[in-house]
Amino acid sequence: MNYFGKNIKLLRKRKKRTQNEVAVAMELKRTSVNALENEISQPTVSHLQAFSKYFGIAIDTLINVDLQQLSESQFADLQNGFDVFIRGSKLRVIATTVDSDNNDNIEFVSEKAKAGYVNCFADPEYIGKLPVFQLPFLSKEKKYRAFTIEGDSMLPIPAGSIVIGEFIQDFFNIKSNDAYIIVTRDEGIVFKVAHNNIKTERSLHLISLNKEFQSYDLPIAEVTEVWKFVCYLNTKIPEPETDIDRLMKQMDDMQQAIKKLGSKIG
């Protein structure tokens, strides 16, 4: 049975959106949304993709699962991106490759490949075309993947470094103050220190090591994959810290200490 119409109507009402608001967000006519909700017309592939992205729920879930039958706790999991429980498990399935000895490879997602990875991370054919390598000092019992990072938000880890992450199956296992490579629906791939606020706010609070970059909240429904930072590789020798650099750092530390002292006094 196809539950698509019932499900998108239920999800829209739970988000407290009108048909017109949904239509505008997805660049559809209101009459098209109404027809889909009331099963007057059948969804096209583009409709399925658009509604899946808008609600943050897998296409097969929208079609094959009667969401009205879920408990509130199951619905909370669903809205937090954990709809894999519908298949009987909360463990995420990952596309991977192995070497001739059946050991998991470390697939390398270069800067050029990152845009494609966001859309094809679960496609075995796409993953099978990525460059691979092995690092003997990493556990064979865990799954790793490598990503190139750009920008200065995670200094002193420099731009152009290759960061290697361990696959996290359950987002509730994300530990606050650890660094993660996070694959998102709309922001691409980000490398940040995370605070786990899933249970209370259904989000991750992401922080850069570079204090010049502001922290922000990322809804967990926007997250598709998480990799815990393990190590990084870089071929460049770090620039030596100058006396001016040290002085500026000391001044910044003093300013932060003064601000904290002022807030306590106030």
Protein backbone atom coordinates (compact mmCIF):
# COMPACT_ATOMS: atom_id res chain seq x y z
CA MET A 1 0.00 0.00 0.00
CA ASN A 2 1.18 3.53 -0.83
CA TYR A 3 1.02 5.88 2.20
CA PHE A 4 2.68 8.85 0.50
CA GLY A 5 -0.36 11.16 0.42
CA LYS A 6 -1.37 10.46 4.03
CA ASN A 7 2.20 10.81 5.22
CA ILE A 8 3.03 14.16 3.65
CA LYS A 9 -0.27 15.56 4.94
CA LEU A 10 0.51 14.32 8.45
CA LEU A 11 4.08 15.65 8.33
CA ARG A 12 2.92 19.02 7.03
CA LYS A 13 0.41 19.39 9.87
CA ARG A 14 2.98 18.34 12.48
CA LYS A 15 5.31 21.03 11.15
CA LYS A 16 2.36 23.47 11.25
CA ARG A 17 2.72 24.41 7.61
CA THR A 18 -0.03 25.26 5.15
CA GLN A 19 -0.25 23.66 1.74
CA ASN A 20 0.72 27.00 0.24
CA GLU A 21 3.86 27.26 2.43
CA VAL A 22 4.96 23.79 1.40
CA ALA A 23 4.23 24.55 -2.24
CA VAL A 24 6.29 27.75 -2.16
CA ALA A 25 9.21 26.00 -0.44
CA MET A 26 9.28 23.31 -3.12
CA GLU A 27 8.37 25.56 -6.05
CA LEU A 28 5.11 23.71 -6.70
CA LYS A 29 1.53 24.86 -7.14
CA ARG A 30 -0.70 24.62 -4.07
CA THR A 31 -3.14 22.57 -6.13
CA SER A 32 -0.34 20.06 -6.81
CA VAL A 33 0.33 19.63 -3.09
CA ASN A 34 -3.40 19.24 -2.45
CA ALA A 35 -3.72 16.63 -5.20
CA LEU A 36 -0.78 14.63 -3.83
CA GLU A 37 -2.07 14.73 -0.26
CA ASN A 38 -5.53 13.57 -1.30
CA GLU A 39 -4.17 10.94 -3.70
CA ILE A 40 -5.81 12.59 -6.70
CA SER A 41 -2.46 12.37 -8.49
CA GLN A 42 0.58 10.12 -8.03
CA PRO A 43 4.00 11.58 -7.15
CA THR A 44 6.74 11.75 -9.75
CA VAL A 45 10.38 10.94 -8.95
CA SER A 46 11.10 14.66 -8.56
CA HIS A 47 8.15 14.97 -6.16
CA LEU A 48 9.49 12.10 -4.05
CA GLN A 49 12.95 13.63 -3.91
CA ALA A 50 11.61 17.08 -3.04
CA PHE A 51 9.34 15.91 -0.21
CA SER A 52 12.06 13.61 1.14
CA LYS A 53 14.50 16.51 1.34
CA TYR A 54 11.90 18.92 2.77
CA PHE A 55 10.85 16.61 5.62
CA GLY A 56 14.24 14.92 6.07
CA ILE A 57 12.77 11.44 5.70
CA ALA A 58 13.74 8.61 3.34
CA ILE A 59 11.63 8.11 0.21
CA ASP A 60 10.92 4.46 1.01
CA THR A 61 9.64 5.52 4.44
CA LEU A 62 7.31 8.12 2.94
CA ILE A 63 5.87 5.54 0.58
CA ASN A 64 5.81 2.28 2.54
CA VAL A 65 5.29 3.17 6.21
CA ASP A 66 2.02 4.39 7.73
CA LEU A 67 3.40 7.16 9.94
CA GLN A 68 0.09 7.50 11.79
CA GLN A 69 0.81 4.15 13.44
CA LEU A 70 4.07 5.30 15.03
CA SER A 71 4.38 6.09 18.72
CA GLU A 72 5.50 9.57 19.74
CA SER A 73 8.94 8.26 20.66
CA GLN A 74 9.26 6.60 17.24
CA PHE A 75 8.09 9.80 15.59
CA ALA A 76 10.70 11.76 17.54
CA ASP A 77 13.37 9.37 16.26
CA LEU A 78 12.02 9.73 12.74
CA GLN A 79 12.15 13.53 12.85
CA ASN A 80 15.68 13.35 14.27
CA GLY A 81 16.82 11.41 11.24
CA PHE A 82 16.60 7.93 12.74
CA ASP A 83 14.07 6.38 10.41
CA VAL A 84 16.17 3.23 9.96
CA PHE A 85 14.38 1.72 13.00
CA ILE A 86 11.50 0.97 10.62
CA ARG A 87 13.65 -1.78 9.11
CA GLY A 88 14.14 -3.30 12.56
CA SER A 89 17.44 -1.68 13.50
CA LYS A 90 18.86 1.67 14.46
CA LEU A 91 22.19 0.81 12.84
CA ARG A 92 22.95 2.70 9.67
CA VAL A 93 24.00 0.72 6.62
CA ILE A 94 27.08 2.05 4.84
CA ALA A 95 28.39 1.49 1.33
CA THR A 96 32.00 0.32 1.53
CA THR A 97 34.83 -1.35 -0.38
CA VAL A 98 37.30 -4.06 0.64
CA ASP A 99 40.79 -5.12 -0.43
CA SER A 100 41.89 -8.51 -1.72
CA ASP A 101 42.04 -9.84 1.86
CA ASN A 102 38.49 -8.67 2.56
CA ASN A 103 39.65 -5.82 4.82
CA ASP A 104 37.73 -2.54 4.68
CA ASN A 105 39.47 0.11 2.62
CA ILE A 106 39.76 3.74 3.63
CA GLU A 107 37.97 5.53 0.78
CA PHE A 108 39.31 9.00 -0.01
CA VAL A 109 36.83 11.83 -0.69
CA SER A 110 38.88 14.59 -2.32
CA GLU A 111 37.83 18.23 -2.48
CA LYS A 112 36.53 17.70 -6.03
CA ALA A 113 34.55 14.63 -4.98
CA LYS A 114 32.84 16.23 -1.97
CA ALA A 115 29.86 17.67 -3.88
CA GLY A 116 29.10 14.29 -5.44
CA TYR A 117 29.57 12.49 -2.13
CA VAL A 118 26.82 14.50 -0.43
CA ASN A 119 24.29 13.04 -2.88
CA CYS A 120 25.83 9.60 -3.47
CA PHE A 121 27.31 8.60 -0.08
CA ALA A 122 25.00 5.55 0.07
CA ASP A 123 25.53 4.50 -3.57
CA PRO A 124 27.85 1.43 -3.72
CA GLU A 125 28.71 2.17 -7.36
CA TYR A 126 29.82 5.72 -6.52
CA ILE A 127 31.77 4.63 -3.44
CA GLY A 128 33.42 1.88 -5.50
CA LYS A 129 35.00 4.51 -7.77
CA LEU A 130 36.69 6.48 -4.97
CA PRO A 131 40.48 6.12 -4.44
CA VAL A 132 41.32 3.81 -1.53
CA PHE A 133 44.25 3.16 0.80
CA GLN A 134 45.13 1.39 4.06
CA LEU A 135 46.73 2.57 7.31
CA PRO A 136 48.15 -0.34 9.32
CA PHE A 137 47.94 1.45 12.68
CA LEU A 138 44.15 1.77 12.53
CA SER A 139 41.81 -0.93 13.88
CA LYS A 140 40.53 -3.49 11.38
CA GLU A 141 37.36 -3.74 13.46
CA LYS A 142 36.22 -0.21 12.58
CA LYS A 143 35.24 1.58 9.38
CA TYR A 144 37.20 4.67 8.32
CA ARG A 145 36.94 7.24 5.52
CA ALA A 146 39.18 10.16 4.56
CA PHE A 147 38.11 13.68 3.55
CA THR A 148 40.00 16.76 2.38
CA ILE A 149 39.30 19.90 4.40
CA GLU A 150 39.46 23.48 3.16
CA GLY A 151 39.44 26.81 4.93
CA ASP A 152 40.88 27.97 8.24
CA SER A 153 38.00 27.19 10.60
CA MET A 154 39.83 24.25 12.21
CA LEU A 155 43.30 25.75 12.57
CA PRO A 156 45.86 24.64 13.70
CA ILE A 157 44.79 21.75 11.40
CA PRO A 158 45.65 23.48 8.11
CA ALA A 159 43.56 23.72 4.96
CA GLY A 160 44.32 20.97 2.48
CA SER A 161 44.80 18.37 5.21
CA ILE A 162 43.30 14.92 4.83
CA VAL A 163 41.23 14.10 7.92
CA ILE A 164 40.33 10.51 8.69
CA GLY A 165 37.16 9.63 10.52
CA GLU A 166 35.63 6.56 12.15
CA PHE A 167 32.05 5.79 11.11
CA ILE A 168 29.39 6.54 13.75
CA GLN A 169 26.36 4.28 13.37
CA ASP A 170 24.16 5.84 16.04
CA PHE A 171 24.07 9.63 16.27
CA PHE A 172 23.24 9.41 19.97
CA ASN A 173 26.83 8.12 20.43
CA ILE A 174 28.28 11.46 19.34
CA LYS A 175 30.34 12.66 22.30
CA SER A 176 30.42 16.35 23.15
CA ASN A 177 33.76 18.13 22.66
CA ASP A 178 35.05 15.57 20.15
CA ALA A 179 35.72 16.54 16.54
CA TYR A 180 33.65 15.06 13.70
CA ILE A 181 33.38 15.10 9.92
CA ILE A 182 29.66 15.65 9.32
CA VAL A 183 27.89 15.06 6.01
CA THR A 184 24.81 17.28 5.71
CA ARG A 185 21.93 17.57 3.29
CA ASP A 186 22.42 21.26 2.44
CA GLU A 187 25.76 22.46 3.85
CA GLY A 188 27.95 19.80 2.30
CA ILE A 189 30.69 18.25 4.43
CA VAL A 190 31.79 20.13 7.56
CA PHE A 191 34.59 19.43 10.04
CA LYS A 192 33.80 20.72 13.53
CA VAL A 193 33.89 20.05 17.25
CA ALA A 194 30.38 18.94 18.22
CA HIS A 195 28.20 19.27 21.31
CA ASN A 196 25.46 16.64 21.33
CA ASN A 197 22.10 18.32 21.99
CA ILE A 198 20.02 15.71 20.16
CA LYS A 199 17.88 14.65 23.12
CA THR A 200 17.09 18.18 24.28
CA GLU A 201 17.12 20.29 21.11
CA ARG A 202 17.34 17.75 18.27
CA SER A 203 20.51 19.39 17.04
CA LEU A 204 24.30 19.44 17.18
CA HIS A 205 26.09 22.59 18.31
CA LEU A 206 29.13 22.93 16.03
CA ILE A 207 32.27 24.79 17.05
CA SER A 208 35.42 25.70 15.10
CA LEU A 209 38.88 25.43 16.66
CA ASN A 210 39.62 28.82 15.12
CA LYS A 211 37.96 31.35 17.45
CA GLU A 212 37.38 33.76 14.57
CA PHE A 213 34.56 31.51 13.34
CA GLN A 214 31.19 31.56 15.11
CA SER A 215 29.58 28.39 16.40
CA TYR A 216 26.11 27.38 15.23
CA ASP A 217 23.37 24.78 15.67
CA LEU A 218 22.74 22.12 13.04
CA PRO A 219 19.38 20.25 13.16
CA ILE A 220 20.05 16.52 13.36
CA ALA A 221 17.50 15.96 10.57
CA GLU A 222 19.99 17.72 8.25
CA VAL A 223 22.71 15.16 9.05
CA THR A 224 23.18 12.11 6.85
CA GLU A 225 26.56 10.74 8.02
CA VAL A 226 28.94 11.32 10.93
CA TRP A 227 32.61 10.32 11.15
CA LYS A 228 34.57 10.77 14.39
CA PHE A 229 37.93 12.45 13.84
CA VAL A 230 40.84 10.02 14.29
CA CYS A 231 43.88 11.69 12.73
CA TYR A 232 44.98 13.91 9.89
CA LEU A 233 47.65 13.82 7.18
CA ASN A 234 49.47 16.82 5.74
CA THR A 235 52.58 17.08 3.59
CA LYS A 236 53.47 20.65 4.65
CA ILE A 237 55.69 21.52 7.60
CA PRO A 238 53.80 23.89 9.96
CA GLU A 239 54.96 27.49 10.03
CA PRO A 240 56.91 28.33 13.23
CA GLU A 241 55.05 30.49 15.72
CA THR A 242 56.51 34.01 15.85
CA ASP A 243 56.87 36.26 18.90
CA ILE A 244 54.00 38.37 17.53
CA ASP A 245 51.80 35.29 17.22
CA ARG A 246 52.52 34.34 20.82
CA LEU A 247 51.88 37.92 22.00
CA MET A 248 48.56 38.09 20.14
CA LYS A 249 47.50 34.75 21.61
CA GLN A 250 48.37 35.93 25.12
CA MET A 251 46.36 39.12 24.59
CA ASP A 252 43.40 37.13 23.31
CA ASP A 253 43.58 34.81 26.34
CA MET A 254 43.71 37.84 28.66
CA GLN A 255 40.67 39.40 26.98
CA GLN A 256 38.72 36.18 27.35
CA ALA A 257 39.70 35.94 31.03
CA ILE A 258 38.61 39.55 31.63
CA LYS A 259 35.26 38.90 29.98
CA LYS A 260 34.67 35.85 32.17
CA LEU A 261 35.66 37.78 35.28
CA GLY A 262 33.33 40.65 34.32
CA SER A 263 30.39 38.28 33.80
CA LYS A 264 30.97 36.72 37.23
CA ILE A 265 31.13 40.13 38.94
CA GLY A 266 28.04 41.32 37.05
